[in-house]
Amino acid sequence: MASAIKDIEIEALIDKEYEQAVKRFGNNHSRHESYAVLKEEIEEAKEELENIEEMLESIWANTKSNAVESNVADQFHFIKQKALKLAIESIQVAAVARKGQMFERGEFCDNRRNIRNV
């Protein structure tokens, strides 16, 4: 399915998340920190995807059994909500990956969008 969303729009959301992360937590201080934060965000994204996959299996079970009284509409709504959370988590993954990239390059944000080399 072709997306109506442009990469530049997603990049703007990643920039916003990155700036917020730097404002709240500062720049990364080590590769270990970059790894740990990235791993945590990836695990959170995986959890949302697993929730979606579990609900999809439930929809399929209801479909195969021709369940009439099932709450399939609610299940689709659940997937939509989890997909939204997955999108947010994915943006956070990209933002913290950027923080790691900046650390590795010796570039840091001073909380005012200014990038400086150390």
PDB file of N, CA and C in Angstrom:
ATOM      1  N   MET A   1       0.848  -1.177   0.000  1.00  0.00           N
ATOM      2  CA  MET A   1       0.000   0.000   0.000  1.00  0.00           C
ATOM      3  C   MET A   1       0.896   1.243   0.000  1.00  0.00           C
ATOM      4  N   ALA A   2       0.643   2.132  -0.910  1.00  0.00           N
ATOM      5  CA  ALA A   2       1.403   3.383  -0.985  1.00  0.00           C
ATOM      6  C   ALA A   2       1.019   4.269   0.195  1.00  0.00           C
ATOM      7  N   SER A   3       1.996   4.941   0.738  1.00  0.00           N
ATOM      8  CA  SER A   3       1.754   5.773   1.910  1.00  0.00           C
ATOM      9  C   SER A   3       1.547   7.226   1.512  1.00  0.00           C
ATOM     10  N   ALA A   4       0.603   7.868   2.187  1.00  0.00           N
ATOM     11  CA  ALA A   4       0.380   9.298   1.988  1.00  0.00           C
ATOM     12  C   ALA A   4       1.376  10.110   2.816  1.00  0.00           C
ATOM     13  N   ILE A   5       2.076   9.432   3.700  1.00  0.00           N
ATOM     14  CA  ILE A   5       3.041  10.091   4.574  1.00  0.00           C
ATOM     15  C   ILE A   5       4.398  10.125   3.886  1.00  0.00           C
ATOM     16  N   LYS A   6       4.997  11.270   3.875  1.00  0.00           N
ATOM     17  CA  LYS A   6       6.307  11.451   3.247  1.00  0.00           C
ATOM     18  C   LYS A   6       7.415  11.237   4.278  1.00  0.00           C
ATOM     19  N   ASP A   7       8.566  10.758   3.812  1.00  0.00           N
ATOM     20  CA  ASP A   7       9.714  10.544   4.694  1.00  0.00           C
ATOM     21  C   ASP A   7      10.060  11.805   5.475  1.00  0.00           C
ATOM     22  N   ILE A   8       9.953  12.951   4.820  1.00  0.00           N
ATOM     23  CA  ILE A   8      10.316  14.208   5.472  1.00  0.00           C
ATOM     24  C   ILE A   8       9.404  14.494   6.672  1.00  0.00           C
ATOM     25  N   GLU A   9       8.156  14.061   6.593  1.00  0.00           N
ATOM     26  CA  GLU A   9       7.239  14.249   7.715  1.00  0.00           C
ATOM     27  C   GLU A   9       7.652  13.381   8.902  1.00  0.00           C
ATOM     28  N   ILE A  10       8.071  12.169   8.617  1.00  0.00           N
ATOM     29  CA  ILE A  10       8.543  11.282   9.675  1.00  0.00           C
ATOM     30  C   ILE A  10       9.853  11.820  10.251  1.00  0.00           C
ATOM     31  N   GLU A  11      10.739  12.298   9.377  1.00  0.00           N
ATOM     32  CA  GLU A  11      12.002  12.886   9.849  1.00  0.00           C
ATOM     33  C   GLU A  11      11.735  14.048  10.806  1.00  0.00           C
ATOM     34  N   ALA A  12      10.706  14.838  10.529  1.00  0.00           N
ATOM     35  CA  ALA A  12      10.369  15.954  11.414  1.00  0.00           C
ATOM     36  C   ALA A  12       9.943  15.440  12.789  1.00  0.00           C
ATOM     37  N   LEU A  13       9.208  14.337  12.817  1.00  0.00           N
ATOM     38  CA  LEU A  13       8.808  13.743  14.093  1.00  0.00           C
ATOM     39  C   LEU A  13      10.020  13.168  14.830  1.00  0.00           C
ATOM     40  N   ILE A  14      10.928  12.565  14.086  1.00  0.00           N
ATOM     41  CA  ILE A  14      12.159  12.040  14.689  1.00  0.00           C
ATOM     42  C   ILE A  14      12.974  13.188  15.277  1.00  0.00           C
ATOM     43  N   ASP A  15      13.086  14.296  14.533  1.00  0.00           N
ATOM     44  CA  ASP A  15      13.800  15.477  15.033  1.00  0.00           C
ATOM     45  C   ASP A  15      13.180  15.972  16.336  1.00  0.00           C
ATOM     46  N   LYS A  16      11.857  16.042  16.353  1.00  0.00           N
ATOM     47  CA  LYS A  16      11.150  16.513  17.545  1.00  0.00           C
ATOM     48  C   LYS A  16      11.418  15.585  18.732  1.00  0.00           C
ATOM     49  N   GLU A  17      11.355  14.287  18.499  1.00  0.00           N
ATOM     50  CA  GLU A  17      11.606  13.311  19.567  1.00  0.00           C
ATOM     51  C   GLU A  17      13.060  13.379  20.033  1.00  0.00           C
ATOM     52  N   TYR A  18      13.971  13.522  19.085  1.00  0.00           N
ATOM     53  CA  TYR A  18      15.402  13.640  19.408  1.00  0.00           C
ATOM     54  C   TYR A  18      15.651  14.858  20.296  1.00  0.00           C
ATOM     55  N   GLU A  19      15.106  15.996  19.895  1.00  0.00           N
ATOM     56  CA  GLU A  19      15.299  17.226  20.657  1.00  0.00           C
ATOM     57  C   GLU A  19      14.730  17.098  22.064  1.00  0.00           C
ATOM     58  N   GLN A  20      13.573  16.455  22.176  1.00  0.00           N
ATOM     59  CA  GLN A  20      12.962  16.248  23.492  1.00  0.00           C
ATOM     60  C   GLN A  20      13.824  15.323  24.347  1.00  0.00           C
ATOM     61  N   ALA A  21      14.372  14.277  23.740  1.00  0.00           N
ATOM     62  CA  ALA A  21      15.227  13.339  24.476  1.00  0.00           C
ATOM     63  C   ALA A  21      16.489  14.032  24.979  1.00  0.00           C
ATOM     64  N   VAL A  22      17.086  14.874  24.147  1.00  0.00           N
ATOM     65  CA  VAL A  22      18.286  15.603  24.567  1.00  0.00           C
ATOM     66  C   VAL A  22      17.932  16.587  25.683  1.00  0.00           C
ATOM     67  N   LYS A  23      16.792  17.239  25.550  1.00  0.00           N
ATOM     68  CA  LYS A  23      16.367  18.201  26.563  1.00  0.00           C
ATOM     69  C   LYS A  23      16.136  17.505  27.909  1.00  0.00           C
ATOM     70  N   ARG A  24      15.494  16.339  27.881  1.00  0.00           N
ATOM     71  CA  ARG A  24      15.162  15.629  29.124  1.00  0.00           C
ATOM     72  C   ARG A  24      16.344  14.877  29.720  1.00  0.00           C
ATOM     73  N   PHE A  25      17.152  14.250  28.858  1.00  0.00           N
ATOM     74  CA  PHE A  25      18.179  13.333  29.349  1.00  0.00           C
ATOM     75  C   PHE A  25      19.605  13.742  28.995  1.00  0.00           C
ATOM     76  N   GLY A  26      19.755  14.773  28.194  1.00  0.00           N
ATOM     77  CA  GLY A  26      21.085  15.183  27.769  1.00  0.00           C
ATOM     78  C   GLY A  26      21.621  14.281  26.671  1.00  0.00           C
ATOM     79  N   ASN A  27      22.839  14.560  26.268  1.00  0.00           N
ATOM     80  CA  ASN A  27      23.492  13.755  25.240  1.00  0.00           C
ATOM     81  C   ASN A  27      23.948  12.432  25.842  1.00  0.00           C
ATOM     82  N   ASN A  28      24.177  11.452  24.993  1.00  0.00           N
ATOM     83  CA  ASN A  28      24.727  10.184  25.462  1.00  0.00           C
ATOM     84  C   ASN A  28      26.163  10.404  25.921  1.00  0.00           C
ATOM     85  N   HIS A  29      26.565   9.617  26.897  1.00  0.00           N
ATOM     86  CA  HIS A  29      27.897   9.760  27.475  1.00  0.00           C
ATOM     87  C   HIS A  29      28.824   8.602  27.145  1.00  0.00           C
ATOM     88  N   SER A  30      28.271   7.543  26.571  1.00  0.00           N
ATOM     89  CA  SER A  30      29.100   6.382  26.233  1.00  0.00           C
ATOM     90  C   SER A  30      28.361   5.522  25.212  1.00  0.00           C
ATOM     91  N   ARG A  31      29.097   4.653  24.576  1.00  0.00           N
ATOM     92  CA  ARG A  31      28.494   3.692  23.659  1.00  0.00           C
ATOM     93  C   ARG A  31      27.579   2.742  24.436  1.00  0.00           C
ATOM     94  N   HIS A  32      27.973   2.423  25.681  1.00  0.00           N
ATOM     95  CA  HIS A  32      27.139   1.557  26.514  1.00  0.00           C
ATOM     96  C   HIS A  32      25.763   2.188  26.741  1.00  0.00           C
ATOM     97  N   GLU A  33      25.750   3.478  27.035  1.00  0.00           N
ATOM     98  CA  GLU A  33      24.483   4.179  27.236  1.00  0.00           C
ATOM     99  C   GLU A  33      23.673   4.184  25.945  1.00  0.00           C
ATOM    100  N   SER A  34      24.323   4.471  24.839  1.00  0.00           N
ATOM    101  CA  SER A  34      23.625   4.480  23.547  1.00  0.00           C
ATOM    102  C   SER A  34      22.981   3.127  23.285  1.00  0.00           C
ATOM    103  N   TYR A  35      23.746   2.064  23.528  1.00  0.00           N
ATOM    104  CA  TYR A  35      23.245   0.706  23.313  1.00  0.00           C
ATOM    105  C   TYR A  35      22.056   0.409  24.225  1.00  0.00           C
ATOM    106  N   ALA A  36      22.195   0.704  25.518  1.00  0.00           N
ATOM    107  CA  ALA A  36      21.149   0.359  26.482  1.00  0.00           C
ATOM    108  C   ALA A  36      19.836   1.072  26.179  1.00  0.00           C
ATOM    109  N   VAL A  37      19.920   2.348  25.867  1.00  0.00           N
ATOM    110  CA  VAL A  37      18.703   3.116  25.575  1.00  0.00           C
ATOM    111  C   VAL A  37      18.065   2.616  24.279  1.00  0.00           C
ATOM    112  N   LEU A  38      18.879   2.351  23.273  1.00  0.00           N
ATOM    113  CA  LEU A  38      18.358   1.838  22.005  1.00  0.00           C
ATOM    114  C   LEU A  38      17.714   0.473  22.203  1.00  0.00           C
ATOM    115  N   LYS A  39      18.363  -0.396  22.958  1.00  0.00           N
ATOM    116  CA  LYS A  39      17.819  -1.729  23.216  1.00  0.00           C
ATOM    117  C   LYS A  39      16.464  -1.634  23.908  1.00  0.00           C
ATOM    118  N   GLU A  40      16.351  -0.747  24.888  1.00  0.00           N
ATOM    119  CA  GLU A  40      15.085  -0.571  25.602  1.00  0.00           C
ATOM    120  C   GLU A  40      13.971  -0.132  24.647  1.00  0.00           C
ATOM    121  N   GLU A  41      14.266   0.826  23.792  1.00  0.00           N
ATOM    122  CA  GLU A  41      13.249   1.307  22.853  1.00  0.00           C
ATOM    123  C   GLU A  41      12.856   0.219  21.853  1.00  0.00           C
ATOM    124  N   ILE A  42      13.822  -0.555  21.394  1.00  0.00           N
ATOM    125  CA  ILE A  42      13.517  -1.644  20.462  1.00  0.00           C
ATOM    126  C   ILE A  42      12.650  -2.690  21.148  1.00  0.00           C
ATOM    127  N   GLU A  43      12.942  -3.008  22.407  1.00  0.00           N
ATOM    128  CA  GLU A  43      12.125  -3.972  23.144  1.00  0.00           C
ATOM    129  C   GLU A  43      10.691  -3.477  23.297  1.00  0.00           C
ATOM    130  N   GLU A  44      10.518  -2.191  23.549  1.00  0.00           N
ATOM    131  CA  GLU A  44       9.177  -1.625  23.666  1.00  0.00           C
ATOM    132  C   GLU A  44       8.439  -1.705  22.330  1.00  0.00           C
ATOM    133  N   ALA A  45       9.139  -1.446  21.234  1.00  0.00           N
ATOM    134  CA  ALA A  45       8.519  -1.554  19.907  1.00  0.00           C
ATOM    135  C   ALA A  45       8.132  -3.003  19.617  1.00  0.00           C
ATOM    136  N   LYS A  46       9.011  -3.935  19.953  1.00  0.00           N
ATOM    137  CA  LYS A  46       8.713  -5.358  19.748  1.00  0.00           C
ATOM    138  C   LYS A  46       7.474  -5.781  20.528  1.00  0.00           C
ATOM    139  N   GLU A  47       7.357  -5.283  21.748  1.00  0.00           N
ATOM    140  CA  GLU A  47       6.202  -5.615  22.584  1.00  0.00           C
ATOM    141  C   GLU A  47       4.902  -5.169  21.917  1.00  0.00           C
ATOM    142  N   GLU A  48       4.904  -3.972  21.360  1.00  0.00           N
ATOM    143  CA  GLU A  48       3.704  -3.491  20.671  1.00  0.00           C
ATOM    144  C   GLU A  48       3.395  -4.366  19.456  1.00  0.00           C
ATOM    145  N   LEU A  49       4.425  -4.735  18.701  1.00  0.00           N
ATOM    146  CA  LEU A  49       4.214  -5.593  17.537  1.00  0.00           C
ATOM    147  C   LEU A  49       3.699  -6.965  17.961  1.00  0.00           C
ATOM    148  N   GLU A  50       4.225  -7.507  19.042  1.00  0.00           N
ATOM    149  CA  GLU A  50       3.747  -8.797  19.542  1.00  0.00           C
ATOM    150  C   GLU A  50       2.279  -8.719  19.938  1.00  0.00           C
ATOM    151  N   ASN A  51       1.864  -7.612  20.559  1.00  0.00           N
ATOM    152  CA  ASN A  51       0.451  -7.422  20.904  1.00  0.00           C
ATOM    153  C   ASN A  51      -0.419  -7.423  19.650  1.00  0.00           C
ATOM    154  N   ILE A  52       0.060  -6.766  18.610  1.00  0.00           N
ATOM    155  CA  ILE A  52      -0.669  -6.727  17.338  1.00  0.00           C
ATOM    156  C   ILE A  52      -0.781  -8.126  16.754  1.00  0.00           C
ATOM    157  N   GLU A  53       0.322  -8.859  16.742  1.00  0.00           N
ATOM    158  CA  GLU A  53       0.315 -10.206  16.168  1.00  0.00           C
ATOM    159  C   GLU A  53      -0.608 -11.142  16.933  1.00  0.00           C
ATOM    160  N   GLU A  54      -0.630 -11.035  18.264  1.00  0.00           N
ATOM    161  CA  GLU A  54      -1.526 -11.866  19.072  1.00  0.00           C
ATOM    162  C   GLU A  54      -2.985 -11.572  18.743  1.00  0.00           C
ATOM    163  N   MET A  55      -3.314 -10.297  18.617  1.00  0.00           N
ATOM    164  CA  MET A  55      -4.697  -9.942  18.308  1.00  0.00           C
ATOM    165  C   MET A  55      -5.057 -10.372  16.898  1.00  0.00           C
ATOM    166  N   LEU A  56      -4.124 -10.289  15.977  1.00  0.00           N
ATOM    167  CA  LEU A  56      -4.368 -10.749  14.611  1.00  0.00           C
ATOM    168  C   LEU A  56      -4.701 -12.236  14.607  1.00  0.00           C
ATOM    169  N   GLU A  57      -3.986 -13.010  15.404  1.00  0.00           N
ATOM    170  CA  GLU A  57      -4.274 -14.447  15.516  1.00  0.00           C
ATOM    171  C   GLU A  57      -5.679 -14.676  16.055  1.00  0.00           C
ATOM    172  N   SER A  58      -6.090 -13.856  16.994  1.00  0.00           N
ATOM    173  CA  SER A  58      -7.438 -13.967  17.550  1.00  0.00           C
ATOM    174  C   SER A  58      -8.489 -13.645  16.493  1.00  0.00           C
ATOM    175  N   ILE A  59      -8.230 -12.614  15.701  1.00  0.00           N
ATOM    176  CA  ILE A  59      -9.159 -12.282  14.610  1.00  0.00           C
ATOM    177  C   ILE A  59      -9.245 -13.448  13.636  1.00  0.00           C
ATOM    178  N   TRP A  60      -8.098 -14.044  13.320  1.00  0.00           N
ATOM    179  CA  TRP A  60      -8.089 -15.162  12.382  1.00  0.00           C
ATOM    180  C   TRP A  60      -8.859 -16.350  12.952  1.00  0.00           C
ATOM    181  N   ALA A  61      -8.697 -16.627  14.241  1.00  0.00           N
ATOM    182  CA  ALA A  61      -9.444 -17.726  14.875  1.00  0.00           C
ATOM    183  C   ALA A  61     -10.940 -17.462  14.797  1.00  0.00           C
ATOM    184  N   ASN A  62     -11.352 -16.235  15.055  1.00  0.00           N
ATOM    185  CA  ASN A  62     -12.773 -15.879  14.950  1.00  0.00           C
ATOM    186  C   ASN A  62     -13.260 -15.986  13.514  1.00  0.00           C
ATOM    187  N   THR A  63     -12.406 -15.635  12.570  1.00  0.00           N
ATOM    188  CA  THR A  63     -12.769 -15.703  11.152  1.00  0.00           C
ATOM    189  C   THR A  63     -12.947 -17.150  10.712  1.00  0.00           C
ATOM    190  N   LYS A  64     -11.992 -17.997  11.078  1.00  0.00           N
ATOM    191  CA  LYS A  64     -12.063 -19.412  10.679  1.00  0.00           C
ATOM    192  C   LYS A  64     -13.269 -20.115  11.285  1.00  0.00           C
ATOM    193  N   SER A  65     -13.649 -19.723  12.494  1.00  0.00           N
ATOM    194  CA  SER A  65     -14.782 -20.386  13.149  1.00  0.00           C
ATOM    195  C   SER A  65     -16.111 -19.709  12.834  1.00  0.00           C
ATOM    196  N   ASN A  66     -16.069 -18.690  11.976  1.00  0.00           N
ATOM    197  CA  ASN A  66     -17.274 -17.930  11.622  1.00  0.00           C
ATOM    198  C   ASN A  66     -18.006 -17.412  12.860  1.00  0.00           C
ATOM    199  N   ALA A  67     -17.252 -16.970  13.833  1.00  0.00           N
ATOM    200  CA  ALA A  67     -17.838 -16.469  15.074  1.00  0.00           C
ATOM    201  C   ALA A  67     -18.672 -15.228  14.777  1.00  0.00           C
ATOM    202  N   VAL A  68     -19.935 -15.308  15.139  1.00  0.00           N
ATOM    203  CA  VAL A  68     -20.853 -14.206  14.873  1.00  0.00           C
ATOM    204  C   VAL A  68     -20.895 -13.239  16.052  1.00  0.00           C
ATOM    205  N   GLU A  69     -20.834 -13.760  17.230  1.00  0.00           N
ATOM    206  CA  GLU A  69     -20.981 -12.946  18.433  1.00  0.00           C
ATOM    207  C   GLU A  69     -19.651 -12.381  18.938  1.00  0.00           C
ATOM    208  N   SER A  70     -18.613 -12.512  18.150  1.00  0.00           N
ATOM    209  CA  SER A  70     -17.302 -12.057  18.616  1.00  0.00           C
ATOM    210  C   SER A  70     -17.187 -10.534  18.527  1.00  0.00           C
ATOM    211  N   ASN A  71     -16.184 -10.029  19.182  1.00  0.00           N
ATOM    212  CA  ASN A  71     -15.946  -8.584  19.216  1.00  0.00           C
ATOM    213  C   ASN A  71     -14.821  -8.210  18.256  1.00  0.00           C
ATOM    214  N   VAL A  72     -14.947  -8.633  17.011  1.00  0.00           N
ATOM    215  CA  VAL A  72     -13.890  -8.418  16.029  1.00  0.00           C
ATOM    216  C   VAL A  72     -13.658  -6.925  15.781  1.00  0.00           C
ATOM    217  N   ALA A  73     -14.706  -6.131  15.776  1.00  0.00           N
ATOM    218  CA  ALA A  73     -14.528  -4.683  15.578  1.00  0.00           C
ATOM    219  C   ALA A  73     -13.637  -4.108  16.677  1.00  0.00           C
ATOM    220  N   ASP A  74     -13.847  -4.555  17.911  1.00  0.00           N
ATOM    221  CA  ASP A  74     -12.999  -4.106  19.018  1.00  0.00           C
ATOM    222  C   ASP A  74     -11.563  -4.580  18.838  1.00  0.00           C
ATOM    223  N   GLN A  75     -11.405  -5.772  18.279  1.00  0.00           N
ATOM    224  CA  GLN A  75     -10.064  -6.300  18.043  1.00  0.00           C
ATOM    225  C   GLN A  75      -9.333  -5.473  16.984  1.00  0.00           C
ATOM    226  N   PHE A  76     -10.042  -5.087  15.937  1.00  0.00           N
ATOM    227  CA  PHE A  76      -9.428  -4.215  14.931  1.00  0.00           C
ATOM    228  C   PHE A  76      -9.058  -2.861  15.548  1.00  0.00           C
ATOM    229  N   HIS A  77      -9.921  -2.346  16.415  1.00  0.00           N
ATOM    230  CA  HIS A  77      -9.621  -1.082  17.101  1.00  0.00           C
ATOM    231  C   HIS A  77      -8.369  -1.238  17.968  1.00  0.00           C
ATOM    232  N   PHE A  78      -8.269  -2.354  18.676  1.00  0.00           N
ATOM    233  CA  PHE A  78      -7.096  -2.637  19.503  1.00  0.00           C
ATOM    234  C   PHE A  78      -5.833  -2.610  18.650  1.00  0.00           C
ATOM    235  N   ILE A  79      -5.885  -3.260  17.484  1.00  0.00           N
ATOM    236  CA  ILE A  79      -4.724  -3.281  16.591  1.00  0.00           C
ATOM    237  C   ILE A  79      -4.374  -1.872  16.136  1.00  0.00           C
ATOM    238  N   LYS A  80      -5.384  -1.082  15.809  1.00  0.00           N
ATOM    239  CA  LYS A  80      -5.133   0.304  15.391  1.00  0.00           C
ATOM    240  C   LYS A  80      -4.430   1.078  16.500  1.00  0.00           C
ATOM    241  N   GLN A  81      -4.898   0.924  17.731  1.00  0.00           N
ATOM    242  CA  GLN A  81      -4.288   1.632  18.858  1.00  0.00           C
ATOM    243  C   GLN A  81      -2.853   1.158  19.100  1.00  0.00           C
ATOM    244  N   LYS A  82      -2.637  -0.140  19.004  1.00  0.00           N
ATOM    245  CA  LYS A  82      -1.287  -0.678  19.201  1.00  0.00           C
ATOM    246  C   LYS A  82      -0.366  -0.265  18.052  1.00  0.00           C
ATOM    247  N   ALA A  83      -0.904  -0.163  16.844  1.00  0.00           N
ATOM    248  CA  ALA A  83      -0.100   0.288  15.701  1.00  0.00           C
ATOM    249  C   ALA A  83       0.331   1.737  15.900  1.00  0.00           C
ATOM    250  N   LEU A  84      -0.543   2.541  16.462  1.00  0.00           N
ATOM    251  CA  LEU A  84      -0.185   3.922  16.780  1.00  0.00           C
ATOM    252  C   LEU A  84       0.966   3.951  17.788  1.00  0.00           C
ATOM    253  N   LYS A  85       0.851   3.130  18.830  1.00  0.00           N
ATOM    254  CA  LYS A  85       1.927   3.064  19.822  1.00  0.00           C
ATOM    255  C   LYS A  85       3.215   2.535  19.194  1.00  0.00           C
ATOM    256  N   LEU A  86       3.091   1.572  18.281  1.00  0.00           N
ATOM    257  CA  LEU A  86       4.263   1.041  17.580  1.00  0.00           C
ATOM    258  C   LEU A  86       4.929   2.135  16.745  1.00  0.00           C
ATOM    259  N   ALA A  87       4.120   2.955  16.094  1.00  0.00           N
ATOM    260  CA  ALA A  87       4.675   4.059  15.299  1.00  0.00           C
ATOM    261  C   ALA A  87       5.454   5.020  16.194  1.00  0.00           C
ATOM    262  N   ILE A  88       4.896   5.327  17.348  1.00  0.00           N
ATOM    263  CA  ILE A  88       5.579   6.219  18.289  1.00  0.00           C
ATOM    264  C   ILE A  88       6.872   5.584  18.773  1.00  0.00           C
ATOM    265  N   GLU A  89       6.803   4.309  19.123  1.00  0.00           N
ATOM    266  CA  GLU A  89       8.016   3.606  19.569  1.00  0.00           C
ATOM    267  C   GLU A  89       9.065   3.578  18.464  1.00  0.00           C
ATOM    268  N   SER A  90       8.631   3.392  17.222  1.00  0.00           N
ATOM    269  CA  SER A  90       9.572   3.362  16.096  1.00  0.00           C
ATOM    270  C   SER A  90      10.254   4.712  15.917  1.00  0.00           C
ATOM    271  N   ILE A  91       9.512   5.771  16.116  1.00  0.00           N
ATOM    272  CA  ILE A  91      10.098   7.110  16.049  1.00  0.00           C
ATOM    273  C   ILE A  91      11.109   7.288  17.180  1.00  0.00           C
ATOM    274  N   GLN A  92      10.788   6.765  18.357  1.00  0.00           N
ATOM    275  CA  GLN A  92      11.728   6.840  19.473  1.00  0.00           C
ATOM    276  C   GLN A  92      12.987   6.025  19.185  1.00  0.00           C
ATOM    277  N   VAL A  93      12.833   4.857  18.554  1.00  0.00           N
ATOM    278  CA  VAL A  93      13.998   4.058  18.159  1.00  0.00           C
ATOM    279  C   VAL A  93      14.900   4.890  17.251  1.00  0.00           C
ATOM    280  N   ALA A  94      14.300   5.536  16.260  1.00  0.00           N
ATOM    281  CA  ALA A  94      15.083   6.351  15.326  1.00  0.00           C
ATOM    282  C   ALA A  94      15.765   7.511  16.046  1.00  0.00           C
ATOM    283  N   ALA A  95      15.065   8.133  16.980  1.00  0.00           N
ATOM    284  CA  ALA A  95      15.633   9.276  17.700  1.00  0.00           C
ATOM    285  C   ALA A  95      16.813   8.864  18.574  1.00  0.00           C
ATOM    286  N   VAL A  96      16.684   7.753  19.290  1.00  0.00           N
ATOM    287  CA  VAL A  96      17.805   7.348  20.147  1.00  0.00           C
ATOM    288  C   VAL A  96      18.946   6.766  19.313  1.00  0.00           C
ATOM    289  N   ALA A  97      18.629   6.197  18.154  1.00  0.00           N
ATOM    290  CA  ALA A  97      19.700   5.773  17.241  1.00  0.00           C
ATOM    291  C   ALA A  97      20.466   7.006  16.766  1.00  0.00           C
ATOM    292  N   ARG A  98      19.743   8.072  16.513  1.00  0.00           N
ATOM    293  CA  ARG A  98      20.402   9.323  16.123  1.00  0.00           C
ATOM    294  C   ARG A  98      21.296   9.836  17.249  1.00  0.00           C
ATOM    295  N   LYS A  99      20.810   9.742  18.500  1.00  0.00           N
ATOM    296  CA  LYS A  99      21.648  10.161  19.628  1.00  0.00           C
ATOM    297  C   LYS A  99      22.938   9.348  19.668  1.00  0.00           C
ATOM    298  N   GLY A 100      22.827   8.052  19.430  1.00  0.00           N
ATOM    299  CA  GLY A 100      24.016   7.205  19.395  1.00  0.00           C
ATOM    300  C   GLY A 100      24.947   7.586  18.261  1.00  0.00           C
ATOM    301  N   GLN A 101      24.354   7.864  17.109  1.00  0.00           N
ATOM    302  CA  GLN A 101      25.137   8.284  15.943  1.00  0.00           C
ATOM    303  C   GLN A 101      25.879   9.585  16.251  1.00  0.00           C
ATOM    304  N   MET A 102      25.197  10.516  16.866  1.00  0.00           N
ATOM    305  CA  MET A 102      25.813  11.799  17.206  1.00  0.00           C
ATOM    306  C   MET A 102      26.964  11.591  18.187  1.00  0.00           C
ATOM    307  N   PHE A 103      26.753  10.732  19.194  1.00  0.00           N
ATOM    308  CA  PHE A 103      27.820  10.459  20.156  1.00  0.00           C
ATOM    309  C   PHE A 103      29.044   9.894  19.446  1.00  0.00           C
ATOM    310  N   GLU A 104      28.817   8.922  18.567  1.00  0.00           N
ATOM    311  CA  GLU A 104      29.935   8.273  17.869  1.00  0.00           C
ATOM    312  C   GLU A 104      30.688   9.249  16.969  1.00  0.00           C
ATOM    313  N   ARG A 105      29.989  10.239  16.455  1.00  0.00           N
ATOM    314  CA  ARG A 105      30.629  11.246  15.600  1.00  0.00           C
ATOM    315  C   ARG A 105      31.251  12.383  16.396  1.00  0.00           C
ATOM    316  N   GLY A 106      31.017  12.394  17.703  1.00  0.00           N
ATOM    317  CA  GLY A 106      31.525  13.487  18.528  1.00  0.00           C
ATOM    318  C   GLY A 106      30.729  14.759  18.350  1.00  0.00           C
ATOM    319  N   GLU A 107      29.495  14.627  17.912  1.00  0.00           N
ATOM    320  CA  GLU A 107      28.608  15.781  17.718  1.00  0.00           C
ATOM    321  C   GLU A 107      27.557  15.755  18.815  1.00  0.00           C
ATOM    322  N   PHE A 108      27.281  16.914  19.379  1.00  0.00           N
ATOM    323  CA  PHE A 108      26.338  16.981  20.476  1.00  0.00           C
ATOM    324  C   PHE A 108      25.382  18.144  20.275  1.00  0.00           C
ATOM    325  N   CYS A 109      24.199  17.988  20.784  1.00  0.00           N
ATOM    326  CA  CYS A 109      23.183  19.031  20.713  1.00  0.00           C
ATOM    327  C   CYS A 109      23.206  19.776  22.045  1.00  0.00           C
ATOM    328  N   ASP A 110      23.179  21.086  22.009  1.00  0.00           N
ATOM    329  CA  ASP A 110      23.210  21.865  23.254  1.00  0.00           C
ATOM    330  C   ASP A 110      21.809  22.285  23.696  1.00  0.00           C
ATOM    331  N   ASN A 111      20.802  21.504  23.324  1.00  0.00           N
ATOM    332  CA  ASN A 111      19.403  21.726  23.703  1.00  0.00           C
ATOM    333  C   ASN A 111      18.754  22.895  22.965  1.00  0.00           C
ATOM    334  N   ARG A 112      19.464  23.511  22.043  1.00  0.00           N
ATOM    335  CA  ARG A 112      18.885  24.611  21.268  1.00  0.00           C
ATOM    336  C   ARG A 112      19.026  24.341  19.777  1.00  0.00           C
ATOM    337  N   ARG A 113      19.060  23.062  19.412  1.00  0.00           N
ATOM    338  CA  ARG A 113      19.186  22.618  18.025  1.00  0.00           C
ATOM    339  C   ARG A 113      20.565  22.899  17.438  1.00  0.00           C
ATOM    340  N   ASN A 114      21.469  23.461  18.217  1.00  0.00           N
ATOM    341  CA  ASN A 114      22.804  23.726  17.697  1.00  0.00           C
ATOM    342  C   ASN A 114      23.652  22.476  17.855  1.00  0.00           C
ATOM    343  N   ILE A 115      24.260  22.057  16.782  1.00  0.00           N
ATOM    344  CA  ILE A 115      25.137  20.897  16.816  1.00  0.00           C
ATOM    345  C   ILE A 115      26.562  21.406  16.922  1.00  0.00           C
ATOM    346  N   ARG A 116      27.302  20.833  17.840  1.00  0.00           N
ATOM    347  CA  ARG A 116      28.694  21.230  17.975  1.00  0.00           C
ATOM    348  C   ARG A 116      29.560  19.983  18.026  1.00  0.00           C
ATOM    349  N   ASN A 117      30.746  20.102  17.511  1.00  0.00           N
ATOM    350  CA  ASN A 117      31.731  19.023  17.589  1.00  0.00           C
ATOM    351  C   ASN A 117      32.552  19.216  18.851  1.00  0.00           C
ATOM    352  N   VAL A 118      32.961  18.103  19.414  1.00  0.00           N
ATOM    353  CA  VAL A 118      33.774  18.170  20.623  1.00  0.00           C
ATOM    354  C   VAL A 118      35.201  17.836  20.277  1.00  0.00           C
TER     355      VAL A 118
END
